[in-house]
Amino acid sequence: MIKTTIAVDGMMCGMCETHIQEAVRKNFHVKKVTANRGKKEAVILSEERLDAEKLKSVISETGYTPGVVSSEPYEKKGLFGLF
């Protein structure tokens, strides 16, 4: 799994977060997407690395300002993540 984080400026409320989440789900095959207006970012979990330029374009089309995109490998840590 890949964890992609993108800075998003302009989110003011819960509906703003929902707009970002829906736009990402509509344009990419993702496992999970969480937008957070307080942190000014969206975090996306997917099986494959996302195209950063397309992601920025999708965010921009919703009326918000995309920023830096970073990706890193992601391993789910749960109850048995210690072993």
N, C-alpha and C. Protein backbone atom coordinates (compact mmCIF):
# COMPACT_ATOMS: atom_id res chain seq x y z
N MET A 1 0.83 -1.17 0.00
CA MET A 1 0.00 0.00 0.00
C MET A 1 0.89 1.25 0.00
N ILE A 2 0.32 2.31 -0.56
CA ILE A 2 1.01 3.60 -0.64
C ILE A 2 0.19 4.64 0.09
N LYS A 3 0.85 5.43 0.93
CA LYS A 3 0.20 6.55 1.61
C LYS A 3 0.63 7.83 0.90
N THR A 4 -0.35 8.55 0.34
CA THR A 4 -0.08 9.80 -0.35
C THR A 4 -0.69 10.94 0.46
N THR A 5 0.10 11.95 0.71
CA THR A 5 -0.38 13.13 1.44
C THR A 5 -0.25 14.33 0.52
N ILE A 6 -1.33 15.12 0.43
CA ILE A 6 -1.30 16.34 -0.38
C ILE A 6 -1.80 17.50 0.47
N ALA A 7 -1.07 18.59 0.42
CA ALA A 7 -1.49 19.81 1.10
C ALA A 7 -2.65 20.41 0.31
N VAL A 8 -3.69 20.85 1.02
CA VAL A 8 -4.86 21.45 0.37
C VAL A 8 -5.23 22.72 1.13
N ASP A 9 -5.20 23.84 0.44
CA ASP A 9 -5.55 25.11 1.07
C ASP A 9 -6.95 25.53 0.63
N GLY A 10 -7.71 26.11 1.55
CA GLY A 10 -9.02 26.63 1.21
C GLY A 10 -10.18 25.88 1.83
N MET A 11 -9.92 24.75 2.49
CA MET A 11 -11.00 24.01 3.16
C MET A 11 -11.41 24.77 4.41
N MET A 12 -12.72 25.02 4.56
CA MET A 12 -13.21 25.79 5.69
C MET A 12 -14.18 25.01 6.59
N CYS A 13 -14.75 23.90 6.07
CA CYS A 13 -15.78 23.20 6.83
C CYS A 13 -15.80 21.71 6.46
N GLY A 14 -16.69 20.97 7.07
CA GLY A 14 -16.82 19.55 6.80
C GLY A 14 -17.23 19.26 5.36
N MET A 15 -18.05 20.13 4.78
CA MET A 15 -18.44 19.93 3.38
C MET A 15 -17.25 20.08 2.45
N CYS A 16 -16.35 20.97 2.78
CA CYS A 16 -15.13 21.13 1.99
C CYS A 16 -14.34 19.82 1.99
N GLU A 17 -14.21 19.23 3.17
CA GLU A 17 -13.50 17.94 3.29
C GLU A 17 -14.19 16.89 2.43
N THR A 18 -15.52 16.87 2.47
CA THR A 18 -16.29 15.90 1.68
C THR A 18 -16.08 16.11 0.18
N HIS A 19 -16.03 17.36 -0.28
CA HIS A 19 -15.79 17.63 -1.70
C HIS A 19 -14.45 17.05 -2.15
N ILE A 20 -13.42 17.23 -1.34
CA ILE A 20 -12.10 16.71 -1.67
C ILE A 20 -12.14 15.18 -1.72
N GLN A 21 -12.73 14.57 -0.71
CA GLN A 21 -12.79 13.10 -0.62
C GLN A 21 -13.54 12.51 -1.81
N GLU A 22 -14.68 13.10 -2.17
CA GLU A 22 -15.46 12.59 -3.29
C GLU A 22 -14.71 12.74 -4.62
N ALA A 23 -14.04 13.86 -4.79
CA ALA A 23 -13.28 14.10 -6.02
C ALA A 23 -12.17 13.07 -6.18
N VAL A 24 -11.47 12.76 -5.09
CA VAL A 24 -10.38 11.78 -5.15
C VAL A 24 -10.94 10.39 -5.45
N ARG A 25 -12.01 10.01 -4.75
CA ARG A 25 -12.61 8.68 -4.98
C ARG A 25 -13.12 8.52 -6.42
N LYS A 26 -13.63 9.60 -6.98
CA LYS A 26 -14.20 9.57 -8.33
C LYS A 26 -13.12 9.39 -9.40
N ASN A 27 -11.92 9.89 -9.12
CA ASN A 27 -10.86 9.90 -10.13
C ASN A 27 -9.75 8.88 -9.94
N PHE A 28 -9.71 8.24 -8.78
CA PHE A 28 -8.65 7.27 -8.49
C PHE A 28 -9.24 6.05 -7.79
N HIS A 29 -8.57 4.92 -7.93
CA HIS A 29 -8.93 3.71 -7.19
C HIS A 29 -8.19 3.78 -5.86
N VAL A 30 -8.91 4.09 -4.80
CA VAL A 30 -8.28 4.25 -3.49
C VAL A 30 -8.95 3.35 -2.46
N LYS A 31 -8.21 3.01 -1.43
CA LYS A 31 -8.75 2.23 -0.31
C LYS A 31 -9.40 3.16 0.70
N LYS A 32 -8.76 4.33 0.93
CA LYS A 32 -9.27 5.27 1.92
C LYS A 32 -8.75 6.67 1.59
N VAL A 33 -9.59 7.67 1.84
CA VAL A 33 -9.16 9.06 1.69
C VAL A 33 -9.76 9.86 2.84
N THR A 34 -8.92 10.66 3.47
CA THR A 34 -9.35 11.49 4.59
C THR A 34 -8.82 12.90 4.39
N ALA A 35 -9.73 13.86 4.29
CA ALA A 35 -9.33 15.27 4.19
C ALA A 35 -9.49 15.89 5.57
N ASN A 36 -8.57 16.77 5.94
CA ASN A 36 -8.61 17.40 7.25
C ASN A 36 -8.35 18.89 7.09
N ARG A 37 -9.39 19.70 7.33
CA ARG A 37 -9.26 21.15 7.15
C ARG A 37 -8.31 21.77 8.17
N GLY A 38 -8.25 21.20 9.37
CA GLY A 38 -7.35 21.71 10.41
C GLY A 38 -5.88 21.55 10.03
N LYS A 39 -5.57 20.39 9.47
CA LYS A 39 -4.19 20.12 9.06
C LYS A 39 -3.90 20.63 7.65
N LYS A 40 -4.96 21.04 6.94
CA LYS A 40 -4.85 21.52 5.55
C LYS A 40 -4.20 20.46 4.67
N GLU A 41 -4.73 19.23 4.75
CA GLU A 41 -4.17 18.15 3.94
C GLU A 41 -5.21 17.06 3.71
N ALA A 42 -4.91 16.24 2.73
CA ALA A 42 -5.68 15.03 2.48
C ALA A 42 -4.70 13.86 2.47
N VAL A 43 -5.09 12.77 3.10
CA VAL A 43 -4.26 11.57 3.16
C VAL A 43 -5.01 10.47 2.42
N ILE A 44 -4.33 9.83 1.49
CA ILE A 44 -4.94 8.83 0.61
C ILE A 44 -4.17 7.53 0.70
N LEU A 45 -4.89 6.43 0.90
CA LEU A 45 -4.28 5.10 0.88
C LEU A 45 -4.72 4.39 -0.40
N SER A 46 -3.76 3.86 -1.12
CA SER A 46 -4.06 3.18 -2.38
C SER A 46 -3.08 2.03 -2.60
N GLU A 47 -3.48 1.14 -3.49
CA GLU A 47 -2.61 -0.01 -3.82
C GLU A 47 -1.41 0.43 -4.65
N GLU A 48 -1.62 1.43 -5.52
CA GLU A 48 -0.56 1.89 -6.41
C GLU A 48 -0.29 3.38 -6.20
N ARG A 49 0.89 3.79 -6.59
CA ARG A 49 1.28 5.20 -6.47
C ARG A 49 0.37 6.05 -7.37
N LEU A 50 -0.11 7.18 -6.83
CA LEU A 50 -0.98 8.08 -7.59
C LEU A 50 -0.15 9.06 -8.41
N ASP A 51 -0.69 9.47 -9.55
CA ASP A 51 -0.05 10.48 -10.39
C ASP A 51 -0.21 11.83 -9.69
N ALA A 52 0.88 12.41 -9.24
CA ALA A 52 0.84 13.65 -8.46
C ALA A 52 0.23 14.80 -9.24
N GLU A 53 0.56 14.92 -10.52
CA GLU A 53 0.03 16.03 -11.33
C GLU A 53 -1.48 15.88 -11.54
N LYS A 54 -1.94 14.66 -11.76
CA LYS A 54 -3.38 14.43 -11.92
C LYS A 54 -4.09 14.72 -10.60
N LEU A 55 -3.50 14.31 -9.48
CA LEU A 55 -4.09 14.57 -8.17
C LEU A 55 -4.22 16.07 -7.93
N LYS A 56 -3.19 16.82 -8.24
CA LYS A 56 -3.24 18.28 -8.09
C LYS A 56 -4.33 18.88 -8.97
N SER A 57 -4.46 18.37 -10.18
CA SER A 57 -5.48 18.85 -11.11
C SER A 57 -6.88 18.58 -10.58
N VAL A 58 -7.10 17.39 -10.05
CA VAL A 58 -8.41 17.02 -9.50
C VAL A 58 -8.77 17.93 -8.32
N ILE A 59 -7.81 18.19 -7.44
CA ILE A 59 -8.05 19.07 -6.29
C ILE A 59 -8.34 20.49 -6.78
N SER A 60 -7.58 20.95 -7.73
CA SER A 60 -7.75 22.29 -8.26
C SER A 60 -9.13 22.47 -8.90
N GLU A 61 -9.62 21.45 -9.59
CA GLU A 61 -10.94 21.50 -10.23
C GLU A 61 -12.07 21.64 -9.23
N THR A 62 -11.84 21.25 -7.97
CA THR A 62 -12.88 21.38 -6.94
C THR A 62 -12.92 22.79 -6.37
N GLY A 63 -11.93 23.64 -6.73
CA GLY A 63 -11.90 25.01 -6.24
C GLY A 63 -10.94 25.25 -5.09
N TYR A 64 -10.19 24.22 -4.72
CA TYR A 64 -9.23 24.34 -3.62
C TYR A 64 -7.83 24.41 -4.21
N THR A 65 -6.88 24.84 -3.41
CA THR A 65 -5.51 25.01 -3.88
C THR A 65 -4.64 23.85 -3.42
N PRO A 66 -4.17 23.03 -4.37
CA PRO A 66 -3.30 21.91 -4.00
C PRO A 66 -1.88 22.39 -3.75
N GLY A 67 -1.18 21.65 -2.88
CA GLY A 67 0.20 21.98 -2.57
C GLY A 67 1.11 20.79 -2.80
N VAL A 68 2.05 20.62 -1.93
CA VAL A 68 3.06 19.57 -2.04
C VAL A 68 2.42 18.18 -1.90
N VAL A 69 2.86 17.27 -2.76
CA VAL A 69 2.40 15.87 -2.71
C VAL A 69 3.58 15.01 -2.29
N SER A 70 3.36 14.13 -1.30
CA SER A 70 4.40 13.19 -0.91
C SER A 70 3.80 11.80 -0.79
N SER A 71 4.59 10.81 -1.14
CA SER A 71 4.14 9.41 -1.07
C SER A 71 5.17 8.58 -0.34
N GLU A 72 4.67 7.57 0.38
CA GLU A 72 5.55 6.67 1.10
C GLU A 72 4.87 5.32 1.25
N PRO A 73 5.64 4.26 1.40
CA PRO A 73 5.04 2.95 1.65
C PRO A 73 4.24 2.99 2.95
N TYR A 74 3.15 2.23 2.99
CA TYR A 74 2.30 2.21 4.17
C TYR A 74 2.02 0.78 4.58
N GLU A 75 2.22 0.50 5.86
CA GLU A 75 1.88 -0.81 6.41
C GLU A 75 0.86 -0.60 7.51
N LYS A 76 -0.24 -1.31 7.41
CA LYS A 76 -1.26 -1.21 8.43
C LYS A 76 -0.73 -1.76 9.73
N LYS A 77 -0.89 -0.98 10.78
CA LYS A 77 -0.46 -1.44 12.09
C LYS A 77 -1.70 -1.64 12.94
N GLY A 78 -1.87 -2.83 13.42
CA GLY A 78 -3.03 -3.13 14.24
C GLY A 78 -2.61 -3.83 15.49
N LEU A 79 -3.51 -4.62 16.00
CA LEU A 79 -3.28 -5.35 17.23
C LEU A 79 -2.04 -6.23 17.15
N PHE A 80 -1.82 -6.81 15.97
CA PHE A 80 -0.69 -7.72 15.80
C PHE A 80 0.47 -7.07 15.06
N GLY A 81 0.46 -5.74 14.96
CA GLY A 81 1.52 -5.01 14.27
C GLY A 81 2.85 -5.09 15.01
N LEU A 82 2.84 -5.59 16.21
CA LEU A 82 4.09 -5.69 16.98
C LEU A 82 4.96 -6.86 16.53
N PHE A 83 4.38 -7.81 15.83
CA PHE A 83 5.11 -9.02 15.46
C PHE A 83 5.52 -9.01 14.02
